[in-house]
Amino acid sequence: MKKAIKIAGKILLGFLLAIIVFVATMFLITKGDYSVPKTVEDDKTIPHIQINNVVFHAETFGNDTSERVIIIHGGPGNDYRYLLPLKALSEKYFVVFYDQRGTGLSPRVEAEDQSLENSMNDLANIIDYYSPDREVNIVGILGVLCWHRIHCQKSRKSS
């Protein structure tokens, strides 16, 4: 019995030592100076728009007389960089990319300001900003959800 306890203790000690070596190795491998990108609040040269005192990192591509496409990234907390391959749509459309409120390179906001309600209002304001008198195409799951809710609310108010 004592021999079994000694063997189990040695195994446990070896296992703990392996974990310590692994953690120390991972710390040394990933050690570095990582910086968080500046937002438009910190760097005014980053392309941005301001609507109703809310600032958004935004970029457009294509001919501004073409049909509009607004690209909306997933979120919260994400940005539109992973959607930049859709920039190719600018050969035919006027394409709008923007980082939602408090995400990506848009200025940080308080947690309570990041809500579905604000996302819907922001999308409606961005549509009005870029296309006040024209229809737009919305690309992105969150965008479709927001636009559907905005449209349903407008329909209910007018009936």
N, C-alpha and C. Protein backbone atom coordinates (compact mmCIF):
# COMPACT_ATOMS: atom_id res chain seq x y z
N MET A 1 0.82 -1.20 0.00
CA MET A 1 0.00 0.00 0.00
C MET A 1 0.86 1.26 0.00
N LYS A 2 1.94 1.25 0.85
CA LYS A 2 2.83 2.41 0.90
C LYS A 2 3.50 2.63 -0.44
N LYS A 3 3.83 1.53 -1.13
CA LYS A 3 4.48 1.64 -2.43
C LYS A 3 3.53 2.30 -3.45
N ALA A 4 2.26 1.93 -3.43
CA ALA A 4 1.25 2.50 -4.34
C ALA A 4 1.08 3.99 -4.07
N ILE A 5 1.11 4.39 -2.79
CA ILE A 5 0.96 5.81 -2.44
C ILE A 5 2.17 6.59 -2.93
N LYS A 6 3.37 6.02 -2.79
CA LYS A 6 4.59 6.68 -3.27
C LYS A 6 4.55 6.86 -4.78
N ILE A 7 4.10 5.84 -5.48
CA ILE A 7 4.02 5.92 -6.96
C ILE A 7 2.99 6.97 -7.36
N ALA A 8 1.82 6.97 -6.72
CA ALA A 8 0.78 7.96 -7.03
C ALA A 8 1.29 9.37 -6.73
N GLY A 9 2.01 9.53 -5.63
CA GLY A 9 2.58 10.84 -5.28
C GLY A 9 3.58 11.31 -6.31
N LYS A 10 4.44 10.39 -6.78
CA LYS A 10 5.42 10.75 -7.81
C LYS A 10 4.74 11.12 -9.12
N ILE A 11 3.68 10.40 -9.48
CA ILE A 11 2.92 10.72 -10.69
C ILE A 11 2.27 12.09 -10.57
N LEU A 12 1.65 12.35 -9.41
CA LEU A 12 1.02 13.66 -9.18
C LEU A 12 2.03 14.78 -9.22
N LEU A 13 3.18 14.58 -8.58
CA LEU A 13 4.23 15.58 -8.57
C LEU A 13 4.75 15.83 -9.99
N GLY A 14 4.94 14.75 -10.75
CA GLY A 14 5.38 14.89 -12.15
C GLY A 14 4.36 15.65 -12.98
N PHE A 15 3.10 15.34 -12.75
CA PHE A 15 2.02 16.03 -13.47
C PHE A 15 2.01 17.53 -13.13
N LEU A 16 2.12 17.88 -11.86
CA LEU A 16 2.16 19.28 -11.44
C LEU A 16 3.38 20.00 -12.02
N LEU A 17 4.52 19.33 -12.01
CA LEU A 17 5.73 19.91 -12.58
C LEU A 17 5.56 20.16 -14.08
N ALA A 18 4.93 19.22 -14.79
CA ALA A 18 4.68 19.38 -16.23
C ALA A 18 3.77 20.59 -16.48
N ILE A 19 2.76 20.77 -15.64
CA ILE A 19 1.86 21.93 -15.79
C ILE A 19 2.63 23.23 -15.57
N ILE A 20 3.46 23.27 -14.56
CA ILE A 20 4.24 24.47 -14.27
C ILE A 20 5.18 24.79 -15.43
N VAL A 21 5.84 23.78 -15.96
CA VAL A 21 6.74 23.98 -17.11
C VAL A 21 5.95 24.47 -18.32
N PHE A 22 4.77 23.88 -18.55
CA PHE A 22 3.93 24.29 -19.68
C PHE A 22 3.52 25.76 -19.55
N VAL A 23 3.02 26.16 -18.38
CA VAL A 23 2.58 27.54 -18.16
C VAL A 23 3.75 28.51 -18.32
N ALA A 24 4.90 28.17 -17.75
CA ALA A 24 6.07 29.04 -17.87
C ALA A 24 6.51 29.17 -19.32
N THR A 25 6.49 28.07 -20.06
CA THR A 25 6.85 28.09 -21.48
C THR A 25 5.88 28.95 -22.27
N MET A 26 4.60 28.79 -22.05
CA MET A 26 3.60 29.59 -22.77
C MET A 26 3.75 31.06 -22.43
N PHE A 27 4.05 31.39 -21.19
CA PHE A 27 4.27 32.78 -20.81
C PHE A 27 5.45 33.36 -21.60
N LEU A 28 6.52 32.63 -21.67
CA LEU A 28 7.72 33.13 -22.36
C LEU A 28 7.50 33.23 -23.87
N ILE A 29 6.77 32.29 -24.43
CA ILE A 29 6.50 32.31 -25.87
C ILE A 29 5.62 33.50 -26.24
N THR A 30 4.63 33.80 -25.43
CA THR A 30 3.66 34.85 -25.78
C THR A 30 4.00 36.20 -25.18
N LYS A 31 5.10 36.28 -24.46
CA LYS A 31 5.50 37.54 -23.84
C LYS A 31 5.80 38.56 -24.94
N GLY A 32 5.33 39.76 -24.76
CA GLY A 32 5.58 40.80 -25.76
C GLY A 32 4.89 42.08 -25.39
N ASP A 33 5.07 43.05 -26.24
CA ASP A 33 4.44 44.36 -26.04
C ASP A 33 3.27 44.46 -27.01
N TYR A 34 2.06 44.22 -26.50
CA TYR A 34 0.87 44.26 -27.33
C TYR A 34 0.13 45.57 -27.08
N SER A 35 -0.28 46.20 -28.16
CA SER A 35 -1.00 47.46 -28.00
C SER A 35 -2.40 47.33 -28.61
N VAL A 36 -3.30 48.05 -28.03
CA VAL A 36 -4.66 48.11 -28.54
C VAL A 36 -4.70 49.24 -29.56
N PRO A 37 -5.29 48.99 -30.75
CA PRO A 37 -5.34 50.06 -31.76
C PRO A 37 -6.07 51.30 -31.23
N LYS A 38 -5.64 52.45 -31.68
CA LYS A 38 -6.31 53.70 -31.31
C LYS A 38 -7.68 53.74 -31.97
N THR A 39 -8.59 54.43 -31.32
CA THR A 39 -9.92 54.64 -31.89
C THR A 39 -9.95 56.02 -32.54
N VAL A 40 -11.06 56.34 -33.20
CA VAL A 40 -11.17 57.66 -33.83
C VAL A 40 -11.15 58.77 -32.78
N GLU A 41 -11.44 58.42 -31.56
CA GLU A 41 -11.38 59.39 -30.47
C GLU A 41 -9.93 59.84 -30.22
N ASP A 42 -8.99 58.89 -30.41
CA ASP A 42 -7.58 59.16 -30.17
C ASP A 42 -6.83 59.61 -31.42
N ASP A 43 -7.34 59.23 -32.59
CA ASP A 43 -6.65 59.53 -33.85
C ASP A 43 -7.67 60.04 -34.86
N LYS A 44 -7.74 61.33 -35.02
CA LYS A 44 -8.75 61.95 -35.89
C LYS A 44 -8.49 61.70 -37.37
N THR A 45 -7.34 61.10 -37.72
CA THR A 45 -7.08 60.79 -39.13
C THR A 45 -7.78 59.51 -39.56
N ILE A 46 -8.29 58.74 -38.61
CA ILE A 46 -9.04 57.53 -38.95
C ILE A 46 -10.38 57.98 -39.54
N PRO A 47 -10.78 57.41 -40.69
CA PRO A 47 -12.04 57.85 -41.30
C PRO A 47 -13.23 57.61 -40.37
N HIS A 48 -14.07 58.64 -40.25
CA HIS A 48 -15.20 58.53 -39.32
C HIS A 48 -16.31 59.50 -39.72
N ILE A 49 -17.47 59.25 -39.14
CA ILE A 49 -18.62 60.14 -39.29
C ILE A 49 -19.19 60.38 -37.90
N GLN A 50 -19.94 61.47 -37.78
CA GLN A 50 -20.63 61.76 -36.52
C GLN A 50 -22.09 62.02 -36.83
N ILE A 51 -22.95 61.27 -36.13
CA ILE A 51 -24.40 61.41 -36.31
C ILE A 51 -25.02 61.52 -34.93
N ASN A 52 -25.74 62.60 -34.68
CA ASN A 52 -26.41 62.80 -33.39
C ASN A 52 -25.45 62.60 -32.21
N ASN A 53 -24.29 63.20 -32.30
CA ASN A 53 -23.27 63.14 -31.25
C ASN A 53 -22.70 61.75 -31.01
N VAL A 54 -22.90 60.82 -31.92
CA VAL A 54 -22.29 59.49 -31.85
C VAL A 54 -21.30 59.40 -33.00
N VAL A 55 -20.06 59.00 -32.67
CA VAL A 55 -19.01 58.91 -33.69
C VAL A 55 -18.83 57.44 -34.07
N PHE A 56 -18.71 57.20 -35.38
CA PHE A 56 -18.51 55.86 -35.90
C PHE A 56 -17.29 55.84 -36.81
N HIS A 57 -16.46 54.83 -36.68
CA HIS A 57 -15.42 54.59 -37.67
C HIS A 57 -16.17 54.10 -38.90
N ALA A 58 -15.97 54.77 -40.04
CA ALA A 58 -16.71 54.41 -41.25
C ALA A 58 -15.86 54.68 -42.47
N GLU A 59 -16.03 53.84 -43.47
CA GLU A 59 -15.35 54.02 -44.75
C GLU A 59 -16.33 53.68 -45.86
N THR A 60 -16.17 54.35 -46.98
CA THR A 60 -17.00 54.07 -48.15
C THR A 60 -16.11 53.80 -49.35
N PHE A 61 -16.63 52.99 -50.25
CA PHE A 61 -15.90 52.65 -51.47
C PHE A 61 -16.88 52.64 -52.63
N GLY A 62 -16.41 53.04 -53.79
CA GLY A 62 -17.24 53.01 -54.99
C GLY A 62 -17.78 54.38 -55.33
N ASN A 63 -18.57 54.41 -56.38
CA ASN A 63 -19.15 55.64 -56.89
C ASN A 63 -20.36 56.02 -56.04
N ASP A 64 -20.35 57.24 -55.49
CA ASP A 64 -21.44 57.62 -54.59
C ASP A 64 -22.78 57.85 -55.30
N THR A 65 -22.81 57.70 -56.62
CA THR A 65 -24.09 57.77 -57.33
C THR A 65 -24.68 56.38 -57.55
N SER A 66 -23.94 55.34 -57.18
CA SER A 66 -24.40 53.96 -57.37
C SER A 66 -25.36 53.55 -56.25
N GLU A 67 -26.01 52.43 -56.48
CA GLU A 67 -26.89 51.85 -55.47
C GLU A 67 -26.10 51.56 -54.19
N ARG A 68 -26.73 51.78 -53.04
CA ARG A 68 -26.04 51.66 -51.75
C ARG A 68 -26.07 50.24 -51.20
N VAL A 69 -24.93 49.86 -50.58
CA VAL A 69 -24.84 48.62 -49.81
C VAL A 69 -24.20 48.98 -48.48
N ILE A 70 -24.88 48.68 -47.39
CA ILE A 70 -24.32 48.93 -46.06
C ILE A 70 -23.95 47.58 -45.46
N ILE A 71 -22.67 47.45 -45.11
CA ILE A 71 -22.13 46.22 -44.56
C ILE A 71 -22.09 46.36 -43.04
N ILE A 72 -22.69 45.41 -42.33
CA ILE A 72 -22.74 45.47 -40.87
C ILE A 72 -22.09 44.23 -40.30
N HIS A 73 -21.06 44.44 -39.49
CA HIS A 73 -20.34 43.32 -38.89
C HIS A 73 -21.13 42.71 -37.74
N GLY A 74 -20.73 41.50 -37.37
CA GLY A 74 -21.31 40.85 -36.20
C GLY A 74 -20.82 41.55 -34.94
N GLY A 75 -21.45 41.27 -33.87
CA GLY A 75 -21.04 41.93 -32.65
C GLY A 75 -21.81 41.37 -31.48
N PRO A 76 -21.71 42.00 -30.40
CA PRO A 76 -20.92 43.20 -30.14
C PRO A 76 -19.43 42.87 -29.95
N GLY A 77 -18.62 43.87 -30.09
CA GLY A 77 -17.20 43.74 -29.84
C GLY A 77 -16.36 43.47 -31.07
N ASN A 78 -16.98 43.15 -32.17
CA ASN A 78 -16.22 42.87 -33.38
C ASN A 78 -15.99 44.16 -34.17
N ASP A 79 -15.33 44.05 -35.30
CA ASP A 79 -15.20 45.19 -36.20
C ASP A 79 -15.42 44.70 -37.63
N TYR A 80 -15.33 45.60 -38.60
CA TYR A 80 -15.67 45.21 -39.96
C TYR A 80 -14.49 44.68 -40.78
N ARG A 81 -13.30 44.61 -40.23
CA ARG A 81 -12.12 44.21 -41.02
C ARG A 81 -12.30 42.85 -41.70
N TYR A 82 -12.94 41.90 -41.03
CA TYR A 82 -13.09 40.58 -41.63
C TYR A 82 -14.04 40.59 -42.83
N LEU A 83 -14.79 41.66 -42.98
CA LEU A 83 -15.72 41.79 -44.10
C LEU A 83 -15.13 42.58 -45.28
N LEU A 84 -13.91 43.07 -45.14
CA LEU A 84 -13.31 43.89 -46.20
C LEU A 84 -13.23 43.21 -47.57
N PRO A 85 -13.20 41.88 -47.67
CA PRO A 85 -13.27 41.30 -49.02
C PRO A 85 -14.53 41.72 -49.79
N LEU A 86 -15.57 42.13 -49.05
CA LEU A 86 -16.79 42.62 -49.71
C LEU A 86 -16.58 43.98 -50.37
N LYS A 87 -15.41 44.57 -50.16
CA LYS A 87 -15.06 45.83 -50.84
C LYS A 87 -15.15 45.66 -52.36
N ALA A 88 -14.99 44.43 -52.82
CA ALA A 88 -15.08 44.15 -54.26
C ALA A 88 -16.44 44.54 -54.82
N LEU A 89 -17.47 44.62 -53.97
CA LEU A 89 -18.79 45.06 -54.43
C LEU A 89 -18.77 46.50 -54.93
N SER A 90 -17.73 47.25 -54.56
CA SER A 90 -17.66 48.66 -54.93
C SER A 90 -17.48 48.87 -56.44
N GLU A 91 -17.21 47.80 -57.17
CA GLU A 91 -17.15 47.93 -58.64
C GLU A 91 -18.54 48.23 -59.19
N LYS A 92 -19.57 47.82 -58.48
CA LYS A 92 -20.94 48.03 -58.94
C LYS A 92 -21.77 48.91 -57.99
N TYR A 93 -21.42 48.89 -56.69
CA TYR A 93 -22.22 49.58 -55.68
C TYR A 93 -21.38 50.60 -54.91
N PHE A 94 -22.08 51.50 -54.21
CA PHE A 94 -21.45 52.38 -53.23
C PHE A 94 -21.53 51.62 -51.91
N VAL A 95 -20.38 51.20 -51.40
CA VAL A 95 -20.34 50.31 -50.25
C VAL A 95 -19.93 51.08 -49.00
N VAL A 96 -20.69 50.88 -47.94
CA VAL A 96 -20.45 51.55 -46.65
C VAL A 96 -20.09 50.49 -45.61
N PHE A 97 -18.93 50.67 -44.98
CA PHE A 97 -18.53 49.86 -43.85
C PHE A 97 -18.51 50.76 -42.62
N TYR A 98 -18.99 50.27 -41.50
CA TYR A 98 -18.86 51.06 -40.27
C TYR A 98 -18.72 50.13 -39.07
N ASP A 99 -17.96 50.59 -38.09
CA ASP A 99 -17.87 49.87 -36.82
C ASP A 99 -18.99 50.36 -35.93
N GLN A 100 -19.75 49.43 -35.41
CA GLN A 100 -20.89 49.79 -34.57
C GLN A 100 -20.44 50.55 -33.33
N ARG A 101 -21.38 51.16 -32.70
CA ARG A 101 -21.14 51.95 -31.49
C ARG A 101 -20.30 51.17 -30.48
N GLY A 102 -19.16 51.74 -30.09
CA GLY A 102 -18.32 51.14 -29.06
C GLY A 102 -17.46 49.97 -29.52
N THR A 103 -17.45 49.65 -30.81
CA THR A 103 -16.70 48.50 -31.30
C THR A 103 -15.62 48.92 -32.29
N GLY A 104 -14.71 48.01 -32.59
CA GLY A 104 -13.68 48.28 -33.58
C GLY A 104 -12.93 49.56 -33.28
N LEU A 105 -12.85 50.45 -34.25
CA LEU A 105 -12.15 51.72 -34.08
C LEU A 105 -13.09 52.86 -33.72
N SER A 106 -14.38 52.56 -33.53
CA SER A 106 -15.31 53.57 -33.02
C SER A 106 -14.98 53.80 -31.55
N PRO A 107 -15.25 55.01 -31.04
CA PRO A 107 -14.93 55.30 -29.64
C PRO A 107 -15.63 54.33 -28.68
N ARG A 108 -14.99 54.05 -27.57
CA ARG A 108 -15.58 53.19 -26.55
C ARG A 108 -16.75 53.91 -25.88
N VAL A 109 -17.74 53.14 -25.48
CA VAL A 109 -18.92 53.69 -24.81
C VAL A 109 -19.20 52.86 -23.57
N GLU A 110 -20.07 53.37 -22.73
CA GLU A 110 -20.48 52.64 -21.53
C GLU A 110 -21.28 51.40 -21.95
N ALA A 111 -21.24 50.37 -21.14
CA ALA A 111 -21.91 49.10 -21.45
C ALA A 111 -23.40 49.30 -21.73
N GLU A 112 -24.05 50.18 -20.98
CA GLU A 112 -25.49 50.37 -21.17
C GLU A 112 -25.83 51.03 -22.51
N ASP A 113 -24.82 51.64 -23.16
CA ASP A 113 -25.05 52.25 -24.48
C ASP A 113 -24.98 51.24 -25.61
N GLN A 114 -24.53 50.02 -25.32
CA GLN A 114 -24.49 48.98 -26.33
C GLN A 114 -25.71 48.09 -26.16
N SER A 115 -26.74 48.43 -26.91
CA SER A 115 -27.99 47.69 -26.83
C SER A 115 -28.54 47.48 -28.24
N LEU A 116 -29.45 46.53 -28.36
CA LEU A 116 -30.08 46.29 -29.66
C LEU A 116 -30.85 47.54 -30.10
N GLU A 117 -31.47 48.19 -29.16
CA GLU A 117 -32.22 49.43 -29.48
C GLU A 117 -31.30 50.48 -30.09
N ASN A 118 -30.14 50.70 -29.46
CA ASN A 118 -29.19 51.67 -30.01
C ASN A 118 -28.65 51.21 -31.36
N SER A 119 -28.41 49.91 -31.51
CA SER A 119 -27.93 49.39 -32.79
C SER A 119 -28.94 49.65 -33.90
N MET A 120 -30.21 49.47 -33.58
CA MET A 120 -31.27 49.73 -34.57
C MET A 120 -31.32 51.22 -34.92
N ASN A 121 -31.28 52.06 -33.90
CA ASN A 121 -31.31 53.50 -34.15
C ASN A 121 -30.08 53.95 -34.93
N ASP A 122 -28.91 53.39 -34.58
CA ASP A 122 -27.68 53.75 -35.29
C ASP A 122 -27.77 53.35 -36.75
N LEU A 123 -28.28 52.14 -37.02
CA LEU A 123 -28.42 51.71 -38.40
C LEU A 123 -29.37 52.63 -39.17
N ALA A 124 -30.49 52.96 -38.57
CA ALA A 124 -31.44 53.87 -39.23
C ALA A 124 -30.78 55.22 -39.51
N ASN A 125 -30.00 55.72 -38.57
CA ASN A 125 -29.31 57.00 -38.77
C ASN A 125 -28.23 56.91 -39.84
N ILE A 126 -27.54 55.78 -39.91
CA ILE A 126 -26.50 55.61 -40.93
C ILE A 126 -27.15 55.52 -42.31
N ILE A 127 -28.27 54.82 -42.38
CA ILE A 127 -28.99 54.76 -43.66
C ILE A 127 -29.41 56.16 -44.08
N ASP A 128 -29.97 56.93 -43.16
CA ASP A 128 -30.38 58.31 -43.48
C ASP A 128 -29.19 59.18 -43.86
N TYR A 129 -28.05 58.95 -43.23
CA TYR A 129 -26.84 59.74 -43.50
C TYR A 129 -26.32 59.48 -44.91
N TYR A 130 -26.22 58.21 -45.29
CA TYR A 130 -25.64 57.86 -46.58
C TYR A 130 -26.66 57.77 -47.71
N SER A 131 -27.92 57.58 -47.37
CA SER A 131 -28.91 57.38 -48.41
C SER A 131 -30.27 57.89 -47.97
N PRO A 132 -30.38 59.22 -47.78
CA PRO A 132 -31.64 59.75 -47.25
C PRO A 132 -32.84 59.56 -48.17
N ASP A 133 -32.58 59.51 -49.48
CA ASP A 133 -33.70 59.45 -50.43
C ASP A 133 -33.69 58.21 -51.31
N ARG A 134 -32.83 57.24 -50.96
CA ARG A 134 -32.71 56.06 -51.81
C ARG A 134 -32.78 54.80 -50.96
N GLU A 135 -33.19 53.71 -51.60
CA GLU A 135 -33.20 52.43 -50.91
C GLU A 135 -31.77 51.95 -50.72
N VAL A 136 -31.58 51.08 -49.75
CA VAL A 136 -30.25 50.52 -49.48
C VAL A 136 -30.35 49.00 -49.40
N ASN A 137 -29.22 48.38 -49.63
CA ASN A 137 -29.08 46.94 -49.42
C ASN A 137 -28.31 46.75 -48.13
N ILE A 138 -28.79 45.87 -47.26
CA ILE A 138 -28.14 45.61 -45.98
C ILE A 138 -27.48 44.24 -46.06
N VAL A 139 -26.20 44.18 -45.68
CA VAL A 139 -25.47 42.92 -45.66
C VAL A 139 -24.98 42.68 -44.24
N GLY A 140 -25.35 41.54 -43.67
CA GLY A 140 -24.93 41.19 -42.32
C GLY A 140 -26.12 40.73 -41.51
N ILE A 141 -25.93 39.69 -40.72
CA ILE A 141 -27.04 39.12 -39.95
C ILE A 141 -27.61 40.12 -38.96
N LEU A 142 -26.74 40.80 -38.21
CA LEU A 142 -27.23 41.79 -37.24
C LEU A 142 -27.95 42.92 -37.97
N GLY A 143 -27.45 43.31 -39.11
CA GLY A 143 -28.08 44.37 -39.89
C GLY A 143 -29.47 44.00 -40.35
N VAL A 144 -29.64 42.77 -40.81
CA VAL A 144 -30.96 42.32 -41.26
C VAL A 144 -31.92 42.30 -40.09
N LEU A 145 -31.46 41.81 -38.93
CA LEU A 145 -32.31 41.79 -37.74
C LEU A 145 -32.72 43.21 -37.35
N CYS A 146 -31.76 44.12 -37.30
CA CYS A 146 -32.07 45.51 -36.92
C CYS A 146 -33.02 46.15 -37.93
N TRP A 147 -32.74 45.98 -39.22
CA TRP A 147 -33.57 46.60 -40.23
C TRP A 147 -34.99 46.04 -40.17
N HIS A 148 -35.13 44.75 -39.95
CA HIS A 148 -36.45 44.14 -39.83
C HIS A 148 -37.22 44.77 -38.67
N ARG A 149 -36.55 44.91 -37.52
CA ARG A 149 -37.22 45.49 -36.35
C ARG A 149 -37.57 46.96 -36.58
N ILE A 150 -36.66 47.71 -37.22
CA ILE A 150 -36.94 49.12 -37.52
C ILE A 150 -38.16 49.21 -38.43
N HIS A 151 -38.17 48.42 -39.49
CA HIS A 151 -39.26 48.44 -40.47
C HIS A 151 -40.58 48.07 -39.80
N CYS A 152 -40.56 47.02 -38.96
CA CYS A 152 -41.79 46.60 -38.27
C CYS A 152 -42.30 47.69 -37.34
N GLN A 153 -41.40 48.38 -36.64
CA GLN A 153 -41.82 49.45 -35.74
C GLN A 153 -42.43 50.61 -36.53
N LYS A 154 -41.82 50.95 -37.67
CA LYS A 154 -42.37 52.03 -38.49
C LYS A 154 -43.74 51.64 -39.04
N SER A 155 -43.90 50.37 -39.44
CA SER A 155 -45.17 49.90 -39.97
C SER A 155 -46.26 49.97 -38.90
N ARG A 156 -45.93 49.57 -37.67
CA ARG A 156 -46.91 49.61 -36.59
C ARG A 156 -47.32 51.04 -36.25
N LYS A 157 -46.34 51.97 -36.28
CA LYS A 157 -46.65 53.36 -35.95
C LYS A 157 -47.54 54.00 -37.00
N SER A 158 -47.39 53.60 -38.27
CA SER A 158 -48.16 54.23 -39.33
C SER A 158 -49.56 53.61 -39.47
N SER A 159 -49.81 52.46 -38.82
CA SER A 159 -51.14 51.85 -38.97
C SER A 159 -52.06 52.21 -37.83
